[in-house]
Amino acid sequence: CQKKLEKAYYRHLAGRQQHVLGLRINIQIQLVGIKMPILQWDEGLLIGVPLCDEHHQHLFSLLNKTYDGFGAKSPSSDIAALFHELIDYAIYHFAAEERLMEQNSFPGKEDHVKEHDYFSKRVTEMYMAHCDGEKHLSLEVLTFLNDWIKTHIQKIDARFGRYMACRR
């Protein structure tokens, strides 16, 4: 009975766009299972700091690759490589963003760095759990990445963007 209810719900969602914090997410359902949501970049996510905006778009691309890997049930080694790439790029992006904050005396830098540290810690924990063979990791990872990146760009990074706009 539970499975029939789930299938009916998924059919109901098929092809619909859901709006979460103003970000459009396409939910695509396959007959055999769920194809994970793919984040869609739109100009409403621009914070007005060109380097950060470019990085955010690339992070979306990496997240989409990660979603695709989980949705396609890629081999564990492929998913581990995607995690590794995501972690590396996030660290690179965070360092660049934090340098910009330092150079521009952003007063919210300390709290912003704490957000970056939290993300890095959680993603690294998830990566290690995946490498250790944890079976139910994918839903947790996808939910965390989806929620964190949207919230971070739309709220936390947007504060930095507004600060930079006022400095111009």
N, C-alpha and C. Protein backbone atom coordinates (compact mmCIF):
# COMPACT_ATOMS: atom_id res chain seq x y z
N CYS A 1 0.83 -1.19 0.00
CA CYS A 1 0.00 0.00 0.00
C CYS A 1 0.88 1.26 0.00
N GLN A 2 1.92 1.26 0.82
CA GLN A 2 2.84 2.40 0.90
C GLN A 2 3.50 2.65 -0.45
N LYS A 3 3.93 1.59 -1.13
CA LYS A 3 4.59 1.72 -2.43
C LYS A 3 3.63 2.30 -3.47
N LYS A 4 2.37 1.86 -3.47
CA LYS A 4 1.38 2.39 -4.42
C LYS A 4 1.17 3.87 -4.19
N LEU A 5 1.12 4.26 -2.93
CA LEU A 5 0.93 5.66 -2.57
C LEU A 5 2.12 6.49 -3.05
N GLU A 6 3.34 5.98 -2.84
CA GLU A 6 4.53 6.67 -3.28
C GLU A 6 4.54 6.83 -4.80
N LYS A 7 4.19 5.77 -5.53
CA LYS A 7 4.17 5.84 -6.99
C LYS A 7 3.16 6.88 -7.47
N ALA A 8 2.00 6.92 -6.85
CA ALA A 8 0.98 7.90 -7.24
C ALA A 8 1.48 9.31 -6.98
N TYR A 9 2.15 9.51 -5.87
CA TYR A 9 2.69 10.82 -5.53
C TYR A 9 3.74 11.23 -6.55
N TYR A 10 4.64 10.30 -6.90
CA TYR A 10 5.70 10.61 -7.87
C TYR A 10 5.10 10.93 -9.24
N ARG A 11 4.05 10.20 -9.64
CA ARG A 11 3.38 10.50 -10.91
C ARG A 11 2.79 11.90 -10.86
N HIS A 12 2.25 12.26 -9.71
CA HIS A 12 1.67 13.58 -9.53
C HIS A 12 2.73 14.67 -9.71
N LEU A 13 3.93 14.43 -9.23
CA LEU A 13 5.01 15.41 -9.31
C LEU A 13 5.70 15.44 -10.68
N ALA A 14 5.54 14.43 -11.45
CA ALA A 14 6.30 14.29 -12.71
C ALA A 14 6.17 15.53 -13.58
N GLY A 15 7.32 16.07 -13.95
CA GLY A 15 7.37 17.18 -14.88
C GLY A 15 6.97 18.53 -14.30
N ARG A 16 6.56 18.58 -13.06
CA ARG A 16 6.18 19.87 -12.46
C ARG A 16 7.41 20.61 -12.00
N GLN A 17 7.32 21.92 -11.97
CA GLN A 17 8.39 22.72 -11.41
C GLN A 17 8.00 23.09 -9.99
N GLN A 18 8.89 22.88 -9.08
CA GLN A 18 8.67 23.26 -7.71
C GLN A 18 9.50 24.52 -7.43
N HIS A 19 8.99 25.41 -6.63
CA HIS A 19 9.72 26.62 -6.28
C HIS A 19 10.13 26.51 -4.82
N VAL A 20 11.43 26.53 -4.60
CA VAL A 20 11.96 26.43 -3.26
C VAL A 20 12.87 27.63 -3.06
N LEU A 21 12.55 28.48 -2.11
CA LEU A 21 13.30 29.71 -1.86
C LEU A 21 13.52 30.50 -3.15
N GLY A 22 12.54 30.51 -4.02
CA GLY A 22 12.63 31.27 -5.26
C GLY A 22 13.43 30.59 -6.35
N LEU A 23 13.96 29.41 -6.11
CA LEU A 23 14.78 28.71 -7.08
C LEU A 23 13.94 27.63 -7.74
N ARG A 24 13.93 27.65 -9.08
CA ARG A 24 13.16 26.63 -9.78
C ARG A 24 13.92 25.31 -9.77
N ILE A 25 13.22 24.26 -9.43
CA ILE A 25 13.79 22.92 -9.46
C ILE A 25 12.86 22.06 -10.29
N ASN A 26 13.39 21.45 -11.34
CA ASN A 26 12.58 20.52 -12.12
C ASN A 26 12.61 19.18 -11.42
N ILE A 27 11.46 18.61 -11.24
CA ILE A 27 11.38 17.27 -10.67
C ILE A 27 10.98 16.36 -11.81
N GLN A 28 11.86 15.42 -12.13
CA GLN A 28 11.59 14.51 -13.22
C GLN A 28 11.50 13.10 -12.65
N ILE A 29 10.47 12.41 -13.04
CA ILE A 29 10.25 11.06 -12.54
C ILE A 29 10.37 10.09 -13.69
N GLN A 30 11.10 9.01 -13.45
CA GLN A 30 11.19 7.94 -14.43
C GLN A 30 10.23 6.85 -13.99
N LEU A 31 9.81 6.02 -14.92
CA LEU A 31 8.91 4.92 -14.56
C LEU A 31 9.55 3.98 -13.57
N VAL A 32 10.85 3.79 -13.70
CA VAL A 32 11.52 2.83 -12.85
C VAL A 32 11.95 3.42 -11.51
N GLY A 33 12.06 4.73 -11.42
CA GLY A 33 12.50 5.34 -10.18
C GLY A 33 12.54 6.84 -10.34
N ILE A 34 13.26 7.47 -9.46
CA ILE A 34 13.31 8.92 -9.46
C ILE A 34 14.61 9.38 -10.09
N LYS A 35 14.50 10.35 -10.99
CA LYS A 35 15.68 11.05 -11.46
C LYS A 35 15.80 12.26 -10.56
N MET A 36 16.92 12.42 -9.93
CA MET A 36 17.08 13.45 -8.91
C MET A 36 16.87 14.84 -9.51
N PRO A 37 16.41 15.78 -8.67
CA PRO A 37 16.19 17.14 -9.15
C PRO A 37 17.50 17.75 -9.62
N ILE A 38 17.40 18.52 -10.67
CA ILE A 38 18.58 19.21 -11.19
C ILE A 38 18.39 20.69 -10.92
N LEU A 39 19.35 21.28 -10.25
CA LEU A 39 19.27 22.70 -9.94
C LEU A 39 19.45 23.50 -11.21
N GLN A 40 18.64 24.51 -11.39
CA GLN A 40 18.73 25.35 -12.57
C GLN A 40 19.20 26.74 -12.16
N TRP A 41 20.27 27.17 -12.77
CA TRP A 41 20.78 28.51 -12.50
C TRP A 41 19.86 29.52 -13.17
N ASP A 42 19.61 30.60 -12.47
CA ASP A 42 18.94 31.71 -13.13
C ASP A 42 19.53 33.01 -12.60
N GLU A 43 19.27 34.09 -13.29
CA GLU A 43 19.90 35.36 -12.97
C GLU A 43 19.50 35.90 -11.60
N GLY A 44 18.43 35.39 -11.04
CA GLY A 44 18.03 35.79 -9.70
C GLY A 44 19.02 35.35 -8.63
N LEU A 45 19.93 34.46 -9.00
CA LEU A 45 20.94 33.97 -8.06
C LEU A 45 22.23 34.79 -8.12
N LEU A 46 22.32 35.70 -9.06
CA LEU A 46 23.51 36.54 -9.16
C LEU A 46 23.60 37.43 -7.93
N ILE A 47 24.81 37.51 -7.35
CA ILE A 47 24.99 38.39 -6.19
C ILE A 47 25.68 39.69 -6.58
N GLY A 48 26.10 39.80 -7.84
CA GLY A 48 26.72 41.04 -8.31
C GLY A 48 28.22 41.10 -8.13
N VAL A 49 28.82 40.00 -7.73
CA VAL A 49 30.28 39.92 -7.62
C VAL A 49 30.69 38.90 -8.68
N PRO A 50 31.21 39.38 -9.82
CA PRO A 50 31.43 38.50 -10.98
C PRO A 50 32.18 37.20 -10.67
N LEU A 51 33.27 37.28 -9.93
CA LEU A 51 34.03 36.06 -9.63
C LEU A 51 33.17 35.06 -8.85
N CYS A 52 32.46 35.53 -7.85
CA CYS A 52 31.60 34.65 -7.05
C CYS A 52 30.47 34.08 -7.90
N ASP A 53 29.89 34.92 -8.75
CA ASP A 53 28.80 34.44 -9.60
C ASP A 53 29.27 33.34 -10.55
N GLU A 54 30.46 33.50 -11.11
CA GLU A 54 31.02 32.45 -11.98
C GLU A 54 31.24 31.17 -11.20
N HIS A 55 31.79 31.30 -10.00
CA HIS A 55 32.03 30.13 -9.16
C HIS A 55 30.73 29.43 -8.80
N HIS A 56 29.72 30.22 -8.45
CA HIS A 56 28.43 29.62 -8.08
C HIS A 56 27.84 28.84 -9.25
N GLN A 57 27.95 29.38 -10.45
CA GLN A 57 27.44 28.67 -11.62
C GLN A 57 28.19 27.34 -11.81
N HIS A 58 29.50 27.36 -11.57
CA HIS A 58 30.26 26.12 -11.70
C HIS A 58 29.87 25.13 -10.60
N LEU A 59 29.62 25.63 -9.39
CA LEU A 59 29.16 24.75 -8.32
C LEU A 59 27.83 24.09 -8.68
N PHE A 60 26.95 24.85 -9.32
CA PHE A 60 25.68 24.27 -9.79
C PHE A 60 25.96 23.14 -10.77
N SER A 61 26.90 23.37 -11.67
CA SER A 61 27.26 22.35 -12.64
C SER A 61 27.76 21.08 -11.94
N LEU A 62 28.61 21.25 -10.94
CA LEU A 62 29.13 20.10 -10.20
C LEU A 62 28.01 19.39 -9.42
N LEU A 63 27.11 20.18 -8.85
CA LEU A 63 26.00 19.58 -8.13
C LEU A 63 25.11 18.78 -9.08
N ASN A 64 24.89 19.32 -10.27
CA ASN A 64 24.09 18.59 -11.26
C ASN A 64 24.75 17.28 -11.65
N LYS A 65 26.07 17.31 -11.81
CA LYS A 65 26.79 16.06 -12.12
C LYS A 65 26.65 15.07 -10.98
N THR A 66 26.69 15.56 -9.75
CA THR A 66 26.54 14.69 -8.58
C THR A 66 25.14 14.09 -8.56
N TYR A 67 24.12 14.92 -8.78
CA TYR A 67 22.75 14.43 -8.84
C TYR A 67 22.60 13.37 -9.92
N ASP A 68 23.15 13.66 -11.09
CA ASP A 68 23.06 12.70 -12.20
C ASP A 68 23.73 11.38 -11.83
N GLY A 69 24.87 11.46 -11.16
CA GLY A 69 25.58 10.25 -10.75
C GLY A 69 24.76 9.39 -9.80
N PHE A 70 24.12 10.03 -8.82
CA PHE A 70 23.27 9.28 -7.90
C PHE A 70 22.05 8.74 -8.62
N GLY A 71 21.43 9.58 -9.45
CA GLY A 71 20.22 9.17 -10.15
C GLY A 71 20.46 8.01 -11.10
N ALA A 72 21.64 7.99 -11.72
CA ALA A 72 21.97 6.93 -12.67
C ALA A 72 22.57 5.71 -11.97
N LYS A 73 22.64 5.80 -10.64
CA LYS A 73 23.23 4.71 -9.85
C LYS A 73 24.63 4.37 -10.38
N SER A 74 25.42 5.43 -10.56
CA SER A 74 26.79 5.27 -11.04
C SER A 74 27.59 4.43 -10.05
N PRO A 75 28.66 3.82 -10.55
CA PRO A 75 29.52 3.05 -9.64
C PRO A 75 30.05 3.92 -8.50
N SER A 76 30.30 3.29 -7.39
CA SER A 76 30.78 3.99 -6.20
C SER A 76 32.02 4.82 -6.48
N SER A 77 32.92 4.31 -7.33
CA SER A 77 34.14 5.05 -7.63
C SER A 77 33.84 6.35 -8.38
N ASP A 78 32.82 6.34 -9.25
CA ASP A 78 32.43 7.55 -9.96
C ASP A 78 31.85 8.59 -9.00
N ILE A 79 31.03 8.13 -8.08
CA ILE A 79 30.43 9.04 -7.10
C ILE A 79 31.51 9.60 -6.18
N ALA A 80 32.46 8.77 -5.80
CA ALA A 80 33.58 9.24 -4.96
C ALA A 80 34.36 10.33 -5.70
N ALA A 81 34.57 10.15 -7.00
CA ALA A 81 35.29 11.16 -7.80
C ALA A 81 34.49 12.46 -7.86
N LEU A 82 33.16 12.36 -7.99
CA LEU A 82 32.32 13.56 -8.00
C LEU A 82 32.40 14.29 -6.66
N PHE A 83 32.34 13.54 -5.57
CA PHE A 83 32.49 14.14 -4.24
C PHE A 83 33.81 14.87 -4.14
N HIS A 84 34.86 14.19 -4.55
CA HIS A 84 36.20 14.76 -4.45
C HIS A 84 36.29 16.05 -5.24
N GLU A 85 35.75 16.05 -6.45
CA GLU A 85 35.76 17.26 -7.29
C GLU A 85 34.95 18.38 -6.63
N LEU A 86 33.81 18.05 -6.08
CA LEU A 86 32.97 19.04 -5.41
C LEU A 86 33.69 19.64 -4.20
N ILE A 87 34.30 18.80 -3.40
CA ILE A 87 35.02 19.27 -2.21
C ILE A 87 36.18 20.19 -2.64
N ASP A 88 36.96 19.75 -3.62
CA ASP A 88 38.09 20.55 -4.09
C ASP A 88 37.64 21.92 -4.59
N TYR A 89 36.57 21.91 -5.40
CA TYR A 89 36.12 23.19 -5.97
C TYR A 89 35.53 24.09 -4.88
N ALA A 90 34.79 23.51 -3.95
CA ALA A 90 34.22 24.31 -2.87
C ALA A 90 35.33 24.98 -2.05
N ILE A 91 36.38 24.25 -1.77
CA ILE A 91 37.51 24.81 -1.01
C ILE A 91 38.15 25.96 -1.80
N TYR A 92 38.35 25.74 -3.09
CA TYR A 92 38.90 26.78 -3.96
C TYR A 92 37.99 28.01 -3.95
N HIS A 93 36.70 27.80 -4.14
CA HIS A 93 35.73 28.91 -4.17
C HIS A 93 35.71 29.65 -2.83
N PHE A 94 35.64 28.90 -1.73
CA PHE A 94 35.57 29.54 -0.42
C PHE A 94 36.80 30.41 -0.17
N ALA A 95 37.98 29.90 -0.53
CA ALA A 95 39.22 30.67 -0.33
C ALA A 95 39.18 31.97 -1.14
N ALA A 96 38.73 31.89 -2.39
CA ALA A 96 38.65 33.08 -3.24
C ALA A 96 37.64 34.08 -2.68
N GLU A 97 36.49 33.58 -2.26
CA GLU A 97 35.44 34.45 -1.72
C GLU A 97 35.91 35.11 -0.43
N GLU A 98 36.57 34.35 0.42
CA GLU A 98 37.06 34.89 1.69
C GLU A 98 38.16 35.93 1.47
N ARG A 99 39.01 35.73 0.45
CA ARG A 99 40.02 36.75 0.11
C ARG A 99 39.35 38.06 -0.30
N LEU A 100 38.29 37.95 -1.12
CA LEU A 100 37.55 39.15 -1.53
C LEU A 100 36.95 39.86 -0.31
N MET A 101 36.43 39.08 0.62
CA MET A 101 35.84 39.66 1.82
C MET A 101 36.91 40.40 2.64
N GLU A 102 38.07 39.77 2.76
CA GLU A 102 39.18 40.37 3.50
C GLU A 102 39.65 41.65 2.82
N GLN A 103 39.84 41.60 1.51
CA GLN A 103 40.31 42.76 0.75
C GLN A 103 39.34 43.93 0.83
N ASN A 104 38.06 43.62 1.01
CA ASN A 104 37.03 44.67 1.02
C ASN A 104 36.47 44.93 2.41
N SER A 105 37.14 44.41 3.43
CA SER A 105 36.77 44.63 4.84
C SER A 105 35.30 44.32 5.12
N PHE A 106 34.82 43.20 4.59
CA PHE A 106 33.43 42.80 4.80
C PHE A 106 33.20 42.49 6.28
N PRO A 107 32.28 43.21 6.94
CA PRO A 107 32.09 43.01 8.38
C PRO A 107 31.48 41.65 8.75
N GLY A 108 30.83 40.96 7.81
CA GLY A 108 30.22 39.67 8.11
C GLY A 108 31.13 38.49 7.78
N LYS A 109 32.41 38.76 7.54
CA LYS A 109 33.33 37.71 7.10
C LYS A 109 33.42 36.54 8.09
N GLU A 110 33.51 36.83 9.36
CA GLU A 110 33.70 35.78 10.36
C GLU A 110 32.53 34.77 10.33
N ASP A 111 31.31 35.26 10.31
CA ASP A 111 30.14 34.37 10.26
C ASP A 111 30.08 33.63 8.93
N HIS A 112 30.46 34.32 7.87
CA HIS A 112 30.44 33.71 6.55
C HIS A 112 31.43 32.54 6.49
N VAL A 113 32.61 32.75 7.05
CA VAL A 113 33.63 31.69 7.08
C VAL A 113 33.13 30.48 7.87
N LYS A 114 32.38 30.73 8.94
CA LYS A 114 31.82 29.63 9.73
C LYS A 114 30.88 28.78 8.87
N GLU A 115 30.09 29.44 8.02
CA GLU A 115 29.20 28.71 7.09
C GLU A 115 30.03 27.84 6.14
N HIS A 116 31.09 28.39 5.61
CA HIS A 116 31.96 27.63 4.71
C HIS A 116 32.56 26.43 5.43
N ASP A 117 33.02 26.67 6.66
CA ASP A 117 33.62 25.58 7.44
C ASP A 117 32.61 24.47 7.70
N TYR A 118 31.37 24.85 8.00
CA TYR A 118 30.32 23.87 8.25
C TYR A 118 30.08 23.01 7.00
N PHE A 119 29.97 23.67 5.85
CA PHE A 119 29.76 22.94 4.60
C PHE A 119 30.92 21.97 4.35
N SER A 120 32.13 22.47 4.47
CA SER A 120 33.31 21.64 4.21
C SER A 120 33.34 20.42 5.13
N LYS A 121 33.04 20.65 6.39
CA LYS A 121 33.04 19.55 7.37
C LYS A 121 31.98 18.51 7.01
N ARG A 122 30.75 18.96 6.73
CA ARG A 122 29.66 18.02 6.42
C ARG A 122 29.92 17.24 5.14
N VAL A 123 30.36 17.92 4.10
CA VAL A 123 30.61 17.23 2.83
C VAL A 123 31.76 16.24 2.99
N THR A 124 32.77 16.61 3.74
CA THR A 124 33.89 15.69 3.98
C THR A 124 33.42 14.46 4.76
N GLU A 125 32.56 14.68 5.78
CA GLU A 125 32.01 13.55 6.54
C GLU A 125 31.21 12.62 5.63
N MET A 126 30.42 13.21 4.75
CA MET A 126 29.61 12.41 3.84
C MET A 126 30.48 11.66 2.85
N TYR A 127 31.53 12.30 2.39
CA TYR A 127 32.47 11.66 1.47
C TYR A 127 33.12 10.46 2.15
N MET A 128 33.56 10.65 3.38
CA MET A 128 34.21 9.55 4.11
C MET A 128 33.21 8.42 4.37
N ALA A 129 31.98 8.76 4.71
CA ALA A 129 30.95 7.74 4.93
C ALA A 129 30.70 6.97 3.64
N HIS A 130 30.65 7.69 2.53
CA HIS A 130 30.44 7.02 1.24
C HIS A 130 31.60 6.07 0.94
N CYS A 131 32.81 6.53 1.18
CA CYS A 131 33.99 5.69 0.93
C CYS A 131 34.01 4.47 1.84
N ASP A 132 33.38 4.61 3.02
CA ASP A 132 33.29 3.48 3.95
C ASP A 132 32.12 2.55 3.63
N GLY A 133 31.37 2.87 2.56
CA GLY A 133 30.32 1.98 2.09
C GLY A 133 28.95 2.21 2.69
N GLU A 134 28.70 3.37 3.27
CA GLU A 134 27.38 3.65 3.83
C GLU A 134 26.32 3.59 2.73
N LYS A 135 25.28 2.82 2.95
CA LYS A 135 24.29 2.53 1.91
C LYS A 135 23.28 3.66 1.70
N HIS A 136 22.81 4.30 2.75
CA HIS A 136 21.72 5.27 2.64
C HIS A 136 22.23 6.70 2.61
N LEU A 137 23.37 6.88 2.02
CA LEU A 137 24.01 8.18 2.01
C LEU A 137 23.42 9.12 0.98
N SER A 138 23.00 8.62 -0.16
CA SER A 138 22.65 9.49 -1.27
C SER A 138 21.55 10.50 -0.94
N LEU A 139 20.48 10.10 -0.31
CA LEU A 139 19.40 11.03 0.01
C LEU A 139 19.88 12.12 0.95
N GLU A 140 20.64 11.75 1.96
CA GLU A 140 21.17 12.74 2.89
C GLU A 140 22.07 13.74 2.17
N VAL A 141 22.94 13.23 1.33
CA VAL A 141 23.88 14.09 0.60
C VAL A 141 23.12 15.04 -0.31
N LEU A 142 22.21 14.51 -1.11
CA LEU A 142 21.49 15.33 -2.06
C LEU A 142 20.64 16.39 -1.37
N THR A 143 20.01 16.02 -0.29
CA THR A 143 19.19 16.98 0.46
C THR A 143 20.07 18.08 1.05
N PHE A 144 21.17 17.69 1.65
CA PHE A 144 22.08 18.67 2.23
C PHE A 144 22.62 19.63 1.17
N LEU A 145 23.15 19.07 0.07
CA LEU A 145 23.73 19.91 -0.97
C LEU A 145 22.69 20.86 -1.56
N ASN A 146 21.53 20.33 -1.85
CA ASN A 146 20.45 21.12 -2.43
C ASN A 146 20.07 22.28 -1.49
N ASP A 147 19.79 21.96 -0.25
CA ASP A 147 19.36 22.98 0.71
C ASP A 147 20.47 23.99 1.01
N TRP A 148 21.66 23.48 1.23
CA TRP A 148 22.75 24.38 1.65
C TRP A 148 23.11 25.36 0.55
N ILE A 149 23.31 24.89 -0.67
CA ILE A 149 23.78 25.78 -1.73
C ILE A 149 22.77 26.87 -2.02
N LYS A 150 21.48 26.52 -2.07
CA LYS A 150 20.45 27.52 -2.33
C LYS A 150 20.40 28.56 -1.23
N THR A 151 20.33 28.10 0.00
CA THR A 151 20.23 29.01 1.13
C THR A 151 21.48 29.88 1.22
N HIS A 152 22.63 29.27 1.04
CA HIS A 152 23.88 30.01 1.16
C HIS A 152 23.98 31.13 0.12
N ILE A 153 23.70 30.82 -1.12
CA ILE A 153 23.79 31.85 -2.17
C ILE A 153 22.72 32.91 -1.96
N GLN A 154 21.49 32.50 -1.74
CA GLN A 154 20.38 33.45 -1.68
C GLN A 154 20.38 34.31 -0.42
N LYS A 155 20.94 33.82 0.65
CA LYS A 155 20.92 34.60 1.89
C LYS A 155 22.31 35.09 2.29
N ILE A 156 23.22 34.16 2.47
CA ILE A 156 24.53 34.51 3.02
C ILE A 156 25.39 35.25 1.99
N ASP A 157 25.55 34.67 0.80
CA ASP A 157 26.35 35.33 -0.23
C ASP A 157 25.69 36.62 -0.71
N ALA A 158 24.37 36.66 -0.72
CA ALA A 158 23.66 37.87 -1.14
C ALA A 158 24.00 39.06 -0.24
N ARG A 159 24.23 38.81 1.05
CA ARG A 159 24.65 39.89 1.97
C ARG A 159 25.97 40.48 1.52
N PHE A 160 26.89 39.61 1.15
CA PHE A 160 28.19 40.08 0.66
C PHE A 160 28.00 40.86 -0.64
N GLY A 161 27.15 40.39 -1.51
CA GLY A 161 26.86 41.10 -2.77
C GLY A 161 26.30 42.50 -2.51
N ARG A 162 25.37 42.61 -1.57
CA ARG A 162 24.80 43.92 -1.25
C ARG A 162 25.86 44.85 -0.67
N TYR A 163 26.72 44.29 0.17
CA TYR A 163 27.81 45.08 0.75
C TYR A 163 28.72 45.60 -0.36
N MET A 164 29.07 44.73 -1.28
CA MET A 164 29.96 45.15 -2.38
C MET A 164 29.28 46.21 -3.26
N ALA A 165 27.99 46.09 -3.49
CA ALA A 165 27.25 47.07 -4.30
C ALA A 165 27.29 48.45 -3.63
N CYS A 166 27.19 48.47 -2.32
CA CYS A 166 27.22 49.75 -1.59
C CYS A 166 28.62 50.38 -1.65
N ARG A 167 29.62 49.58 -1.79
CA ARG A 167 31.00 50.10 -1.84
C ARG A 167 31.34 50.72 -3.18
N ARG A 168 30.56 50.41 -4.21
CA ARG A 168 30.86 50.93 -5.56
C ARG A 168 30.50 52.38 -5.67
